[in-house]
Amino acid sequence: MKTALSIAGSDSCGGAGIQADLKTMTMNGVYAMTAITALTAQNTTGVKGIYEVSPEFLSSQIEAIFADIYPDAIKIGMVSSAELIKTIALQLKKFKARNIVLDPVMVATSGSRLIDKEAVEVLKSQLIPIADVITPNIPEGEILAGIEINSRKDMLAAAEKISKESGCAVLLKGGHSLNDSNDLLFKDGCAKWFEGKKINNPNTHGTGCTLSSAIAANLANGYTLEISVQRAKEYISGAIKAGLDLGKGSGPIDHAYILRRDRNSGGK
């Protein structure tokens, strides 16, 4: 069985963060592990508080994983400080990590800011350049590219700019503020669109975490980046359609849909 490591924050309501990553990676057929960057007090309506681990403890977690169960892929999620970003970059270089998927989490789906300005610059200079692919949404793409994104043409310009400056592939997600959920993969000077229809469902807590984790899981299983993105997009679309309406907020997406789907289709 292939393995994948999530380096991210904990979500106390279980819909995003490492909790969503563990569910996603498991559902996509890999053994999932975690290195926790922070504890959060949050639910589907917002983030109430963040308690970071120390750089030394994060370093110890990563070292423990690589020394025993070497990951076939890495997913990096919420990292809210410059020192933690530096720690992750140092350790991944040290262990020659492969198949690194970076979700540059800056703003939660609820609108809460999760990273400070200094950390953004360190993210751009130290962590993005060692990633195989990054998965920003529209607001994050605007921050990383330094341009406004209001159309498909803008998405192409932003993704190309980020990719050329960082040297990694960019999957710019179009569902955040544009009409359709059309995502753009820019890699090695070439663009590929992954078309989709916006699903009218308020239960979307944890979608970014889930997509990036699904990509990492598929990369771990040996799929190409393009196929990994396609499979991840299909997974997240199904999970959003089956979103769980649990509380007063938006509600999390439903990872269990894949089990019901498999049972109803005879496992196909």
Foldseek 3Di string as FASTA:
>chain_A
DAEEEEEWADEPQQFAIPSLLCLLLVLLPHHYYYQHQWYFDDDQQDTDDIGGDDLVSSLVRLVVCCVPPNHLAYEYEQHAEQSNQVSVLVNCVVSVHPHYEYADQQAFLNGHGRHDPVNVVSCLVRPLLVHQEYEYEQVVLCVQQVHHDDDPVSVVVSQVSSCVSRVHWYWYFDQSPYQARKIWIAHPNDIDIDGGGHDPALAAGHLSRSLRSQLRSVVSVPDDSVVSNNVSVVQSVQQRVQFDPDDDHSGHTHSCSVVVVCVVVVND
